[in-house]
Amino acid sequence: MAVRRPSNALALAVLSLLSERPMHPYEMSSTLRQRHKEESIRLNYGSLYSVVESLQKKGLISARETVREGRRPERTVYEITPDGQVMMTDWLSELLSEPTAQFTDFEAALSLVATLPPEDVVPLLERRLAELAFQRRAYEAIRAAVPGGFPRLFVVESDYQQALRDAEHAFVSGLLAEIREGSFGGLGVWRRMHELRDEGLSPDETQQRLVEEFPELSNPMPET
């Protein structure tokens, strides 16, 4: 029976670390933090132990030995199994080669943006734009402090995060411009919907009035 692949990226990080050498969970955690991987992978010590336990149950890692350093509690050192090595390689290869839906919080918020009136959304997007600009300046300061000969291999995920921020900044800037100048598609419907709600109409009454006033809303949405 095939082992079900974990869905937590922290599990992939554990397998990757153990492919380098055997480690105990505390060393895994400190190594990930030393390499600043917590900026890309959600990490806390409690969840790390749960991930290690799950990987062991799946036969992807195994306990190699128990060690004690001074007066510290005993620690179990784990190593990757052959099945774990195959899983790690296949998993990482798939993530690198195949784009997948990420379901970000911002995308979810955009899908529900009509819940708020446009006049309230504009300052919120302005605040987001300012925060993105601040994050870019912080990123540029950090990159400027990195020695010129430092291999990009160890900061490539930060470069990717910045590319995403740049793309989001451009998108939000364009969205704000469309709303401000009135060219955003459906802006009239958006504003009218909130006017009708403020008048006390029920959701069904609001929907009916919107269809009457904007006949294009009666057209079915194209399938995706």
N, C-alpha and C. Protein backbone atom coordinates (compact mmCIF):
# COMPACT_ATOMS: atom_id res chain seq x y z
N MET A 1 0.84 -1.20 0.00
CA MET A 1 0.00 0.00 0.00
C MET A 1 0.88 1.25 0.00
N ALA A 2 0.62 2.15 -0.93
CA ALA A 2 1.43 3.35 -1.04
C ALA A 2 1.23 4.26 0.16
N VAL A 3 2.32 4.87 0.62
CA VAL A 3 2.25 5.81 1.75
C VAL A 3 1.69 7.13 1.27
N ARG A 4 0.71 7.64 1.99
CA ARG A 4 0.12 8.93 1.62
C ARG A 4 1.10 10.05 1.93
N ARG A 5 1.32 10.90 0.95
CA ARG A 5 2.29 11.99 1.13
C ARG A 5 1.75 13.03 2.10
N PRO A 6 2.58 13.53 3.01
CA PRO A 6 2.14 14.61 3.90
C PRO A 6 1.81 15.86 3.10
N SER A 7 1.00 16.74 3.68
CA SER A 7 0.65 17.99 2.99
C SER A 7 1.36 19.19 3.60
N ASN A 8 1.98 19.01 4.75
CA ASN A 8 2.64 20.09 5.47
C ASN A 8 4.05 20.30 4.91
N ALA A 9 4.35 21.53 4.50
CA ALA A 9 5.68 21.83 3.96
C ALA A 9 6.77 21.62 5.00
N LEU A 10 6.40 21.70 6.29
CA LEU A 10 7.39 21.45 7.33
C LEU A 10 7.88 20.01 7.26
N ALA A 11 7.01 19.08 6.86
CA ALA A 11 7.42 17.68 6.71
C ALA A 11 8.48 17.55 5.62
N LEU A 12 8.31 18.29 4.55
CA LEU A 12 9.30 18.27 3.47
C LEU A 12 10.63 18.83 3.97
N ALA A 13 10.56 19.88 4.80
CA ALA A 13 11.79 20.47 5.35
C ALA A 13 12.51 19.46 6.25
N VAL A 14 11.75 18.71 7.05
CA VAL A 14 12.36 17.70 7.92
C VAL A 14 13.05 16.62 7.09
N LEU A 15 12.35 16.14 6.07
CA LEU A 15 12.96 15.13 5.20
C LEU A 15 14.22 15.67 4.53
N SER A 16 14.17 16.92 4.12
CA SER A 16 15.34 17.53 3.47
C SER A 16 16.52 17.61 4.43
N LEU A 17 16.26 18.02 5.67
CA LEU A 17 17.33 18.09 6.67
C LEU A 17 17.93 16.72 6.93
N LEU A 18 17.06 15.72 7.09
CA LEU A 18 17.55 14.39 7.41
C LEU A 18 18.24 13.73 6.22
N SER A 19 18.00 14.25 5.02
CA SER A 19 18.75 13.73 3.87
C SER A 19 20.20 14.21 3.92
N GLU A 20 20.46 15.27 4.72
CA GLU A 20 21.83 15.76 4.90
C GLU A 20 22.56 14.92 5.95
N ARG A 21 21.88 14.70 7.11
CA ARG A 21 22.48 13.93 8.20
C ARG A 21 21.41 13.65 9.25
N PRO A 22 21.61 12.65 10.10
CA PRO A 22 20.66 12.41 11.19
C PRO A 22 20.64 13.59 12.16
N MET A 23 19.46 13.90 12.71
CA MET A 23 19.30 15.01 13.65
C MET A 23 18.21 14.68 14.66
N HIS A 24 18.26 15.36 15.81
CA HIS A 24 17.15 15.30 16.73
C HIS A 24 16.28 16.54 16.49
N PRO A 25 15.02 16.53 16.93
CA PRO A 25 14.09 17.63 16.59
C PRO A 25 14.60 19.02 16.97
N TYR A 26 15.27 19.15 18.12
CA TYR A 26 15.76 20.48 18.49
C TYR A 26 16.79 20.98 17.49
N GLU A 27 17.64 20.08 17.01
CA GLU A 27 18.64 20.48 16.01
C GLU A 27 17.96 20.83 14.69
N MET A 28 16.90 20.10 14.35
CA MET A 28 16.14 20.45 13.14
C MET A 28 15.61 21.87 13.24
N SER A 29 14.98 22.16 14.38
CA SER A 29 14.40 23.49 14.57
C SER A 29 15.46 24.58 14.52
N SER A 30 16.56 24.40 15.25
CA SER A 30 17.61 25.43 15.28
C SER A 30 18.26 25.60 13.91
N THR A 31 18.41 24.50 13.16
CA THR A 31 19.00 24.59 11.83
C THR A 31 18.09 25.37 10.88
N LEU A 32 16.78 25.09 10.93
CA LEU A 32 15.85 25.80 10.07
C LEU A 32 15.85 27.29 10.40
N ARG A 33 15.91 27.62 11.69
CA ARG A 33 15.91 29.05 12.08
C ARG A 33 17.24 29.71 11.71
N GLN A 34 18.34 28.98 11.88
CA GLN A 34 19.64 29.52 11.50
C GLN A 34 19.69 29.86 10.02
N ARG A 35 18.97 29.05 9.21
CA ARG A 35 18.93 29.27 7.77
C ARG A 35 17.77 30.17 7.36
N HIS A 36 17.04 30.72 8.35
CA HIS A 36 15.92 31.64 8.11
C HIS A 36 14.80 30.99 7.30
N LYS A 37 14.63 29.69 7.45
CA LYS A 37 13.57 29.00 6.69
C LYS A 37 12.19 29.29 7.27
N GLU A 38 12.13 29.82 8.51
CA GLU A 38 10.82 30.14 9.09
C GLU A 38 10.15 31.29 8.34
N GLU A 39 10.92 32.00 7.49
CA GLU A 39 10.33 33.05 6.67
C GLU A 39 9.55 32.48 5.49
N SER A 40 9.79 31.22 5.16
CA SER A 40 9.11 30.57 4.04
C SER A 40 8.27 29.37 4.46
N ILE A 41 8.57 28.80 5.63
CA ILE A 41 7.88 27.60 6.10
C ILE A 41 7.37 27.87 7.52
N ARG A 42 6.08 27.66 7.74
CA ARG A 42 5.52 27.89 9.07
C ARG A 42 6.15 26.92 10.06
N LEU A 43 6.74 27.45 11.12
CA LEU A 43 7.55 26.63 12.01
C LEU A 43 7.27 26.98 13.46
N ASN A 44 6.93 25.98 14.25
CA ASN A 44 6.97 26.09 15.70
C ASN A 44 7.34 24.71 16.25
N TYR A 45 7.90 24.72 17.46
CA TYR A 45 8.49 23.49 17.98
C TYR A 45 7.44 22.40 18.19
N GLY A 46 6.25 22.78 18.65
CA GLY A 46 5.20 21.79 18.87
C GLY A 46 4.78 21.09 17.60
N SER A 47 4.58 21.87 16.54
CA SER A 47 4.18 21.27 15.26
C SER A 47 5.31 20.43 14.67
N LEU A 48 6.55 20.81 14.95
CA LEU A 48 7.69 20.04 14.44
C LEU A 48 7.67 18.63 15.04
N TYR A 49 7.41 18.52 16.33
CA TYR A 49 7.33 17.20 16.97
C TYR A 49 6.21 16.37 16.37
N SER A 50 5.07 17.00 16.10
CA SER A 50 3.95 16.28 15.50
C SER A 50 4.32 15.76 14.11
N VAL A 51 5.02 16.60 13.34
CA VAL A 51 5.45 16.20 12.00
C VAL A 51 6.43 15.04 12.07
N VAL A 52 7.38 15.11 12.99
CA VAL A 52 8.36 14.03 13.15
C VAL A 52 7.65 12.72 13.51
N GLU A 53 6.70 12.80 14.43
CA GLU A 53 5.96 11.60 14.82
C GLU A 53 5.19 11.02 13.65
N SER A 54 4.56 11.88 12.85
CA SER A 54 3.79 11.42 11.70
C SER A 54 4.70 10.77 10.66
N LEU A 55 5.86 11.39 10.39
CA LEU A 55 6.79 10.82 9.42
C LEU A 55 7.32 9.46 9.86
N GLN A 56 7.52 9.33 11.18
CA GLN A 56 8.00 8.05 11.69
C GLN A 56 6.92 6.96 11.52
N LYS A 57 5.68 7.31 11.80
CA LYS A 57 4.59 6.35 11.65
C LYS A 57 4.44 5.90 10.20
N LYS A 58 4.72 6.80 9.27
CA LYS A 58 4.61 6.47 7.85
C LYS A 58 5.82 5.70 7.33
N GLY A 59 6.84 5.55 8.18
CA GLY A 59 8.03 4.83 7.76
C GLY A 59 8.97 5.65 6.90
N LEU A 60 8.80 6.99 6.92
CA LEU A 60 9.65 7.86 6.10
C LEU A 60 10.92 8.28 6.84
N ILE A 61 10.86 8.23 8.17
CA ILE A 61 12.05 8.44 8.98
C ILE A 61 12.03 7.38 10.08
N SER A 62 13.16 7.17 10.72
CA SER A 62 13.23 6.19 11.80
C SER A 62 14.16 6.70 12.89
N ALA A 63 13.92 6.24 14.12
CA ALA A 63 14.78 6.62 15.24
C ALA A 63 16.09 5.88 15.13
N ARG A 64 17.17 6.62 15.17
CA ARG A 64 18.51 6.00 15.03
C ARG A 64 19.13 5.71 16.39
N GLU A 65 19.02 6.69 17.31
CA GLU A 65 19.61 6.52 18.64
C GLU A 65 19.05 7.58 19.57
N THR A 66 19.25 7.37 20.85
CA THR A 66 18.88 8.35 21.86
C THR A 66 20.15 8.85 22.52
N VAL A 67 20.29 10.17 22.59
CA VAL A 67 21.52 10.74 23.14
C VAL A 67 21.18 11.68 24.29
N ARG A 68 22.15 11.89 25.16
CA ARG A 68 22.01 12.83 26.27
C ARG A 68 23.25 13.71 26.30
N GLU A 69 23.03 15.03 26.37
CA GLU A 69 24.13 15.98 26.45
C GLU A 69 24.10 16.65 27.81
N GLY A 70 25.06 16.32 28.65
CA GLY A 70 25.11 16.90 29.99
C GLY A 70 23.87 16.57 30.79
N ARG A 71 23.26 17.61 31.36
CA ARG A 71 22.05 17.42 32.18
C ARG A 71 20.77 17.58 31.37
N ARG A 72 20.93 17.76 30.08
CA ARG A 72 19.73 17.94 29.24
C ARG A 72 18.97 16.62 29.12
N PRO A 73 17.66 16.71 28.86
CA PRO A 73 16.87 15.47 28.69
C PRO A 73 17.37 14.68 27.49
N GLU A 74 17.06 13.40 27.49
CA GLU A 74 17.42 12.57 26.37
C GLU A 74 16.74 13.05 25.10
N ARG A 75 17.44 12.95 23.98
CA ARG A 75 16.89 13.36 22.69
C ARG A 75 17.05 12.22 21.69
N THR A 76 15.99 12.00 20.93
CA THR A 76 16.02 10.95 19.93
C THR A 76 16.52 11.51 18.61
N VAL A 77 17.51 10.88 18.05
CA VAL A 77 18.07 11.28 16.76
C VAL A 77 17.38 10.46 15.67
N TYR A 78 16.91 11.15 14.65
CA TYR A 78 16.19 10.48 13.56
C TYR A 78 17.02 10.50 12.28
N GLU A 79 16.76 9.52 11.42
CA GLU A 79 17.38 9.47 10.11
C GLU A 79 16.32 9.17 9.06
N ILE A 80 16.58 9.58 7.85
CA ILE A 80 15.63 9.34 6.76
C ILE A 80 15.74 7.89 6.28
N THR A 81 14.62 7.29 5.93
CA THR A 81 14.62 5.93 5.40
C THR A 81 14.70 5.98 3.87
N PRO A 82 14.97 4.84 3.24
CA PRO A 82 14.95 4.83 1.76
C PRO A 82 13.62 5.30 1.19
N ASP A 83 12.50 4.89 1.82
CA ASP A 83 11.19 5.37 1.35
C ASP A 83 11.06 6.88 1.53
N GLY A 84 11.62 7.38 2.63
CA GLY A 84 11.59 8.81 2.87
C GLY A 84 12.40 9.58 1.85
N GLN A 85 13.52 9.03 1.45
CA GLN A 85 14.37 9.68 0.44
C GLN A 85 13.63 9.78 -0.88
N VAL A 86 12.96 8.68 -1.27
CA VAL A 86 12.18 8.68 -2.52
C VAL A 86 11.05 9.68 -2.42
N MET A 87 10.34 9.69 -1.27
CA MET A 87 9.22 10.61 -1.07
C MET A 87 9.69 12.05 -1.17
N MET A 88 10.80 12.36 -0.49
CA MET A 88 11.32 13.73 -0.49
C MET A 88 11.68 14.18 -1.89
N THR A 89 12.37 13.33 -2.65
CA THR A 89 12.79 13.69 -4.01
C THR A 89 11.58 13.90 -4.92
N ASP A 90 10.62 12.98 -4.88
CA ASP A 90 9.43 13.10 -5.73
C ASP A 90 8.61 14.32 -5.36
N TRP A 91 8.45 14.56 -4.07
CA TRP A 91 7.64 15.68 -3.57
C TRP A 91 8.26 17.01 -3.98
N LEU A 92 9.54 17.17 -3.72
CA LEU A 92 10.22 18.42 -4.06
C LEU A 92 10.21 18.65 -5.57
N SER A 93 10.40 17.58 -6.33
CA SER A 93 10.39 17.70 -7.80
C SER A 93 9.03 18.16 -8.29
N GLU A 94 7.97 17.62 -7.70
CA GLU A 94 6.62 18.01 -8.11
C GLU A 94 6.35 19.47 -7.79
N LEU A 95 6.74 19.91 -6.60
CA LEU A 95 6.48 21.31 -6.20
C LEU A 95 7.25 22.29 -7.08
N LEU A 96 8.44 21.90 -7.50
CA LEU A 96 9.24 22.78 -8.35
C LEU A 96 8.71 22.83 -9.78
N SER A 97 8.12 21.75 -10.25
CA SER A 97 7.76 21.66 -11.67
C SER A 97 6.30 21.95 -11.99
N GLU A 98 5.40 21.80 -11.00
CA GLU A 98 3.97 21.91 -11.28
C GLU A 98 3.33 23.04 -10.48
N PRO A 99 2.85 24.10 -11.15
CA PRO A 99 2.14 25.17 -10.44
C PRO A 99 0.86 24.63 -9.82
N THR A 100 0.58 25.06 -8.60
CA THR A 100 -0.65 24.64 -7.92
C THR A 100 -1.33 25.87 -7.32
N ALA A 101 -2.65 25.78 -7.13
CA ALA A 101 -3.40 26.87 -6.50
C ALA A 101 -2.95 27.02 -5.05
N GLN A 102 -2.71 28.27 -4.62
CA GLN A 102 -2.21 28.53 -3.28
C GLN A 102 -3.29 28.98 -2.30
N PHE A 103 -4.41 29.51 -2.80
CA PHE A 103 -5.51 29.96 -1.95
C PHE A 103 -5.03 30.93 -0.87
N THR A 104 -4.45 32.04 -1.31
CA THR A 104 -3.93 33.02 -0.36
C THR A 104 -5.06 33.80 0.29
N ASP A 105 -4.76 34.39 1.45
CA ASP A 105 -5.76 35.19 2.16
C ASP A 105 -6.19 36.39 1.33
N PHE A 106 -5.24 37.00 0.61
CA PHE A 106 -5.59 38.17 -0.19
C PHE A 106 -6.52 37.80 -1.33
N GLU A 107 -6.27 36.67 -1.95
CA GLU A 107 -7.16 36.21 -3.02
C GLU A 107 -8.56 35.96 -2.48
N ALA A 108 -8.65 35.37 -1.28
CA ALA A 108 -9.95 35.14 -0.67
C ALA A 108 -10.66 36.48 -0.39
N ALA A 109 -9.88 37.47 0.09
CA ALA A 109 -10.47 38.78 0.37
C ALA A 109 -10.97 39.45 -0.90
N LEU A 110 -10.21 39.32 -1.99
CA LEU A 110 -10.64 39.90 -3.26
C LEU A 110 -11.94 39.26 -3.75
N SER A 111 -12.08 37.95 -3.52
CA SER A 111 -13.29 37.27 -3.98
C SER A 111 -14.52 37.72 -3.20
N LEU A 112 -14.30 38.35 -2.02
CA LEU A 112 -15.41 38.80 -1.17
C LEU A 112 -15.44 40.32 -1.04
N VAL A 113 -14.67 41.01 -1.89
CA VAL A 113 -14.51 42.46 -1.72
C VAL A 113 -15.81 43.23 -1.83
N ALA A 114 -16.79 42.71 -2.60
CA ALA A 114 -18.06 43.42 -2.78
C ALA A 114 -18.85 43.55 -1.49
N THR A 115 -18.48 42.79 -0.47
CA THR A 115 -19.17 42.88 0.82
C THR A 115 -19.01 44.26 1.43
N LEU A 116 -17.89 44.92 1.15
CA LEU A 116 -17.63 46.27 1.64
C LEU A 116 -17.89 47.27 0.51
N PRO A 117 -18.35 48.47 0.82
CA PRO A 117 -18.53 49.48 -0.23
C PRO A 117 -17.19 49.93 -0.78
N PRO A 118 -17.15 50.34 -2.06
CA PRO A 118 -15.88 50.74 -2.66
C PRO A 118 -15.18 51.86 -1.91
N GLU A 119 -15.95 52.76 -1.32
CA GLU A 119 -15.35 53.88 -0.59
C GLU A 119 -14.56 53.40 0.63
N ASP A 120 -14.95 52.25 1.18
CA ASP A 120 -14.21 51.68 2.31
C ASP A 120 -13.01 50.87 1.84
N VAL A 121 -13.12 50.30 0.66
CA VAL A 121 -12.06 49.44 0.14
C VAL A 121 -10.84 50.25 -0.28
N VAL A 122 -11.07 51.43 -0.84
CA VAL A 122 -9.95 52.24 -1.34
C VAL A 122 -8.90 52.50 -0.27
N PRO A 123 -9.26 53.02 0.92
CA PRO A 123 -8.20 53.26 1.92
C PRO A 123 -7.54 51.98 2.41
N LEU A 124 -8.27 50.87 2.40
CA LEU A 124 -7.67 49.60 2.80
C LEU A 124 -6.61 49.16 1.81
N LEU A 125 -6.89 49.32 0.53
CA LEU A 125 -5.91 48.97 -0.50
C LEU A 125 -4.73 49.94 -0.47
N GLU A 126 -5.00 51.19 -0.16
CA GLU A 126 -3.91 52.16 -0.03
C GLU A 126 -2.97 51.76 1.09
N ARG A 127 -3.56 51.28 2.20
CA ARG A 127 -2.74 50.83 3.32
C ARG A 127 -1.91 49.61 2.92
N ARG A 128 -2.52 48.70 2.16
CA ARG A 128 -1.78 47.51 1.71
C ARG A 128 -0.62 47.92 0.80
N LEU A 129 -0.87 48.88 -0.07
CA LEU A 129 0.15 49.34 -0.99
C LEU A 129 1.34 49.93 -0.22
N ALA A 130 1.04 50.70 0.82
CA ALA A 130 2.09 51.29 1.64
C ALA A 130 2.91 50.20 2.35
N GLU A 131 2.23 49.17 2.84
CA GLU A 131 2.92 48.09 3.52
C GLU A 131 3.81 47.30 2.55
N LEU A 132 3.32 47.08 1.34
CA LEU A 132 4.12 46.39 0.33
C LEU A 132 5.38 47.21 0.00
N ALA A 133 5.22 48.53 -0.09
CA ALA A 133 6.37 49.39 -0.36
C ALA A 133 7.38 49.33 0.78
N PHE A 134 6.85 49.30 2.02
CA PHE A 134 7.74 49.19 3.18
C PHE A 134 8.50 47.86 3.16
N GLN A 135 7.80 46.77 2.85
CA GLN A 135 8.45 45.47 2.80
C GLN A 135 9.53 45.43 1.71
N ARG A 136 9.28 46.12 0.61
CA ARG A 136 10.28 46.16 -0.45
C ARG A 136 11.55 46.88 0.03
N ARG A 137 11.37 48.00 0.72
CA ARG A 137 12.53 48.74 1.23
C ARG A 137 13.31 47.88 2.23
N ALA A 138 12.58 47.14 3.07
CA ALA A 138 13.24 46.27 4.04
C ALA A 138 14.02 45.17 3.33
N TYR A 139 13.42 44.61 2.31
CA TYR A 139 14.09 43.56 1.53
C TYR A 139 15.36 44.10 0.87
N GLU A 140 15.25 45.28 0.27
CA GLU A 140 16.40 45.88 -0.41
C GLU A 140 17.53 46.17 0.57
N ALA A 141 17.18 46.58 1.80
CA ALA A 141 18.20 46.86 2.81
C ALA A 141 18.91 45.56 3.22
N ILE A 142 18.14 44.49 3.36
CA ILE A 142 18.74 43.21 3.73
C ILE A 142 19.64 42.69 2.61
N ARG A 143 19.16 42.80 1.37
CA ARG A 143 19.96 42.32 0.23
C ARG A 143 21.23 43.14 0.08
N ALA A 144 21.14 44.44 0.38
CA ALA A 144 22.33 45.29 0.27
C ALA A 144 23.39 44.91 1.30
N ALA A 145 22.92 44.33 2.42
CA ALA A 145 23.86 43.94 3.48
C ALA A 145 24.49 42.58 3.23
N VAL A 146 23.94 41.84 2.26
CA VAL A 146 24.49 40.51 1.94
C VAL A 146 25.79 40.69 1.15
N PRO A 147 26.86 40.03 1.55
CA PRO A 147 28.12 40.17 0.81
C PRO A 147 27.94 39.82 -0.67
N GLY A 148 28.66 40.52 -1.51
CA GLY A 148 28.51 40.34 -2.95
C GLY A 148 28.79 38.93 -3.42
N GLY A 149 29.69 38.23 -2.74
CA GLY A 149 30.01 36.87 -3.16
C GLY A 149 29.13 35.80 -2.55
N PHE A 150 28.14 36.22 -1.74
CA PHE A 150 27.27 35.24 -1.08
C PHE A 150 26.39 34.56 -2.11
N PRO A 151 26.38 33.23 -2.17
CA PRO A 151 25.62 32.52 -3.22
C PRO A 151 24.12 32.82 -3.16
N ARG A 152 23.54 33.10 -4.31
CA ARG A 152 22.10 33.36 -4.39
C ARG A 152 21.28 32.14 -3.98
N LEU A 153 21.90 30.97 -4.07
CA LEU A 153 21.23 29.71 -3.71
C LEU A 153 20.56 29.80 -2.34
N PHE A 154 21.18 30.54 -1.41
CA PHE A 154 20.70 30.57 -0.05
C PHE A 154 19.70 31.70 0.23
N VAL A 155 19.40 32.51 -0.78
CA VAL A 155 18.41 33.57 -0.60
C VAL A 155 17.39 33.59 -1.73
N VAL A 156 17.38 32.53 -2.55
CA VAL A 156 16.53 32.54 -3.74
C VAL A 156 15.05 32.61 -3.36
N GLU A 157 14.66 32.01 -2.22
CA GLU A 157 13.26 32.08 -1.81
C GLU A 157 12.85 33.50 -1.44
N SER A 158 13.82 34.29 -0.91
CA SER A 158 13.53 35.70 -0.60
C SER A 158 13.36 36.50 -1.89
N ASP A 159 14.15 36.17 -2.91
CA ASP A 159 14.00 36.83 -4.21
C ASP A 159 12.63 36.51 -4.80
N TYR A 160 12.18 35.28 -4.62
CA TYR A 160 10.85 34.89 -5.11
C TYR A 160 9.76 35.65 -4.37
N GLN A 161 9.90 35.77 -3.06
CA GLN A 161 8.91 36.53 -2.28
C GLN A 161 8.85 37.98 -2.76
N GLN A 162 10.01 38.55 -3.07
CA GLN A 162 10.03 39.93 -3.55
C GLN A 162 9.38 40.05 -4.92
N ALA A 163 9.59 39.06 -5.78
CA ALA A 163 8.94 39.08 -7.10
C ALA A 163 7.42 39.04 -6.94
N LEU A 164 6.94 38.26 -5.98
CA LEU A 164 5.50 38.22 -5.71
C LEU A 164 5.01 39.56 -5.18
N ARG A 165 5.79 40.18 -4.30
CA ARG A 165 5.40 41.50 -3.77
C ARG A 165 5.35 42.53 -4.89
N ASP A 166 6.33 42.48 -5.79
CA ASP A 166 6.34 43.43 -6.91
C ASP A 166 5.10 43.24 -7.78
N ALA A 167 4.75 41.99 -8.05
CA ALA A 167 3.57 41.71 -8.87
C ALA A 167 2.30 42.17 -8.16
N GLU A 168 2.24 41.92 -6.85
CA GLU A 168 1.06 42.35 -6.09
C GLU A 168 0.97 43.87 -6.02
N HIS A 169 2.10 44.53 -5.86
CA HIS A 169 2.12 46.00 -5.82
C HIS A 169 1.58 46.57 -7.13
N ALA A 170 2.01 46.00 -8.25
CA ALA A 170 1.53 46.47 -9.55
C ALA A 170 0.04 46.21 -9.70
N PHE A 171 -0.42 45.05 -9.24
CA PHE A 171 -1.84 44.71 -9.35
C PHE A 171 -2.69 45.65 -8.50
N VAL A 172 -2.30 45.86 -7.25
CA VAL A 172 -3.08 46.71 -6.35
C VAL A 172 -3.07 48.16 -6.83
N SER A 173 -1.93 48.61 -7.34
CA SER A 173 -1.85 49.98 -7.88
C SER A 173 -2.84 50.14 -9.04
N GLY A 174 -2.87 49.17 -9.95
CA GLY A 174 -3.80 49.23 -11.07
C GLY A 174 -5.24 49.17 -10.63
N LEU A 175 -5.53 48.30 -9.65
CA LEU A 175 -6.89 48.17 -9.13
C LEU A 175 -7.36 49.47 -8.49
N LEU A 176 -6.50 50.07 -7.70
CA LEU A 176 -6.84 51.35 -7.07
C LEU A 176 -7.12 52.42 -8.12
N ALA A 177 -6.28 52.48 -9.14
CA ALA A 177 -6.46 53.48 -10.20
C ALA A 177 -7.81 53.30 -10.89
N GLU A 178 -8.20 52.05 -11.16
CA GLU A 178 -9.48 51.80 -11.83
C GLU A 178 -10.66 52.21 -10.97
N ILE A 179 -10.58 51.91 -9.68
CA ILE A 179 -11.68 52.29 -8.78
C ILE A 179 -11.78 53.80 -8.66
N ARG A 180 -10.63 54.47 -8.51
CA ARG A 180 -10.64 55.92 -8.34
C ARG A 180 -11.17 56.65 -9.56
N GLU A 181 -10.76 56.18 -10.76
CA GLU A 181 -11.17 56.87 -11.98
C GLU A 181 -12.51 56.38 -12.52
N GLY A 182 -13.08 55.36 -11.88
CA GLY A 182 -14.40 54.87 -12.27
C GLY A 182 -14.42 53.90 -13.42
N SER A 183 -13.27 53.35 -13.80
CA SER A 183 -13.24 52.44 -14.94
C SER A 183 -13.28 50.97 -14.53
N PHE A 184 -13.37 50.72 -13.25
CA PHE A 184 -13.40 49.34 -12.76
C PHE A 184 -14.73 48.69 -13.16
N GLY A 185 -14.65 47.57 -13.85
CA GLY A 185 -15.85 46.90 -14.33
C GLY A 185 -16.77 46.48 -13.19
N GLY A 186 -18.04 46.88 -13.26
CA GLY A 186 -18.99 46.53 -12.21
C GLY A 186 -19.03 47.52 -11.06
N LEU A 187 -18.29 48.63 -11.18
CA LEU A 187 -18.26 49.60 -10.08
C LEU A 187 -19.65 50.17 -9.80
N GLY A 188 -20.43 50.41 -10.87
CA GLY A 188 -21.78 50.93 -10.68
C GLY A 188 -22.67 49.95 -9.94
N VAL A 189 -22.55 48.66 -10.29
CA VAL A 189 -23.31 47.62 -9.59
C VAL A 189 -22.90 47.56 -8.13
N TRP A 190 -21.62 47.63 -7.90
CA TRP A 190 -21.06 47.56 -6.55
C TRP A 190 -21.63 48.68 -5.67
N ARG A 191 -21.59 49.89 -6.19
CA ARG A 191 -22.09 51.03 -5.41
C ARG A 191 -23.60 50.95 -5.21
N ARG A 192 -24.31 50.57 -6.27
CA ARG A 192 -25.77 50.50 -6.18
C ARG A 192 -26.21 49.42 -5.20
N MET A 193 -25.49 48.32 -5.14
CA MET A 193 -25.82 47.25 -4.21
C MET A 193 -25.80 47.75 -2.77
N HIS A 194 -24.81 48.56 -2.44
CA HIS A 194 -24.72 49.08 -1.08
C HIS A 194 -25.75 50.17 -0.83
N GLU A 195 -26.09 50.93 -1.85
CA GLU A 195 -27.16 51.92 -1.69
C GLU A 195 -28.48 51.23 -1.37
N LEU A 196 -28.79 50.15 -2.07
CA LEU A 196 -30.03 49.42 -1.84
C LEU A 196 -30.03 48.78 -0.46
N ARG A 197 -28.90 48.27 -0.04
CA ARG A 197 -28.82 47.68 1.30
C ARG A 197 -29.03 48.75 2.37
N ASP A 198 -28.46 49.94 2.14
CA ASP A 198 -28.63 51.03 3.10
C ASP A 198 -30.08 51.49 3.17
N GLU A 199 -30.82 51.28 2.08
CA GLU A 199 -32.24 51.63 2.07
C GLU A 199 -33.09 50.61 2.81
N GLY A 200 -32.48 49.51 3.22
CA GLY A 200 -33.19 48.50 3.99
C GLY A 200 -33.76 47.36 3.20
N LEU A 201 -33.40 47.24 1.92
CA LEU A 201 -33.91 46.15 1.11
C LEU A 201 -33.28 44.82 1.55
N SER A 202 -34.06 43.77 1.44
CA SER A 202 -33.55 42.44 1.77
C SER A 202 -32.58 41.99 0.68
N PRO A 203 -31.77 40.95 0.96
CA PRO A 203 -30.86 40.43 -0.07
C PRO A 203 -31.59 40.05 -1.36
N ASP A 204 -32.77 39.40 -1.25
CA ASP A 204 -33.52 39.01 -2.44
C ASP A 204 -34.03 40.24 -3.19
N GLU A 205 -34.51 41.22 -2.46
CA GLU A 205 -35.00 42.45 -3.10
C GLU A 205 -33.85 43.20 -3.77
N THR A 206 -32.70 43.22 -3.09
CA THR A 206 -31.53 43.87 -3.66
C THR A 206 -31.11 43.20 -4.96
N GLN A 207 -31.09 41.87 -4.96
CA GLN A 207 -30.72 41.13 -6.15
C GLN A 207 -31.69 41.41 -7.30
N GLN A 208 -32.97 41.45 -7.00
CA GLN A 208 -33.98 41.69 -8.03
C GLN A 208 -33.82 43.08 -8.63
N ARG A 209 -33.62 44.08 -7.78
CA ARG A 209 -33.45 45.45 -8.28
C ARG A 209 -32.18 45.58 -9.12
N LEU A 210 -31.12 44.92 -8.70
CA LEU A 210 -29.87 45.00 -9.45
C LEU A 210 -30.03 44.40 -10.84
N VAL A 211 -30.73 43.28 -10.95
CA VAL A 211 -30.95 42.66 -12.25
C VAL A 211 -31.82 43.55 -13.13
N GLU A 212 -32.79 44.22 -12.51
CA GLU A 212 -33.66 45.13 -13.28
C GLU A 212 -32.87 46.33 -13.79
N GLU A 213 -31.99 46.85 -12.97
CA GLU A 213 -31.24 48.05 -13.34
C GLU A 213 -30.00 47.74 -14.17
N PHE A 214 -29.47 46.53 -14.03
CA PHE A 214 -28.28 46.12 -14.78
C PHE A 214 -28.57 44.79 -15.46
N PRO A 215 -29.21 44.82 -16.63
CA PRO A 215 -29.62 43.58 -17.31
C PRO A 215 -28.48 42.61 -17.58
N GLU A 216 -27.26 43.13 -17.68
CA GLU A 216 -26.13 42.24 -17.95
C GLU A 216 -25.92 41.22 -16.84
N LEU A 217 -26.46 41.49 -15.65
CA LEU A 217 -26.30 40.56 -14.55
C LEU A 217 -27.10 39.29 -14.73
N SER A 218 -28.08 39.33 -15.63
CA SER A 218 -28.90 38.13 -15.87
C SER A 218 -28.19 37.13 -16.80
N ASN A 219 -27.07 37.56 -17.42
CA ASN A 219 -26.32 36.64 -18.27
C ASN A 219 -25.58 35.63 -17.40
N PRO A 220 -25.59 34.35 -17.78
CA PRO A 220 -24.91 33.33 -16.96
C PRO A 220 -23.39 33.54 -16.98
N MET A 221 -22.76 33.21 -15.86
CA MET A 221 -21.29 33.29 -15.78
C MET A 221 -20.68 32.20 -16.66
N PRO A 222 -19.63 32.52 -17.43
CA PRO A 222 -18.98 31.48 -18.23
C PRO A 222 -18.31 30.44 -17.34
N GLU A 223 -18.33 29.21 -17.79
CA GLU A 223 -17.68 28.15 -17.01
C GLU A 223 -16.16 28.26 -17.16
N THR A 224 -15.47 27.92 -16.07
CA THR A 224 -14.00 27.98 -16.09
C THR A 224 -13.43 26.59 -16.01
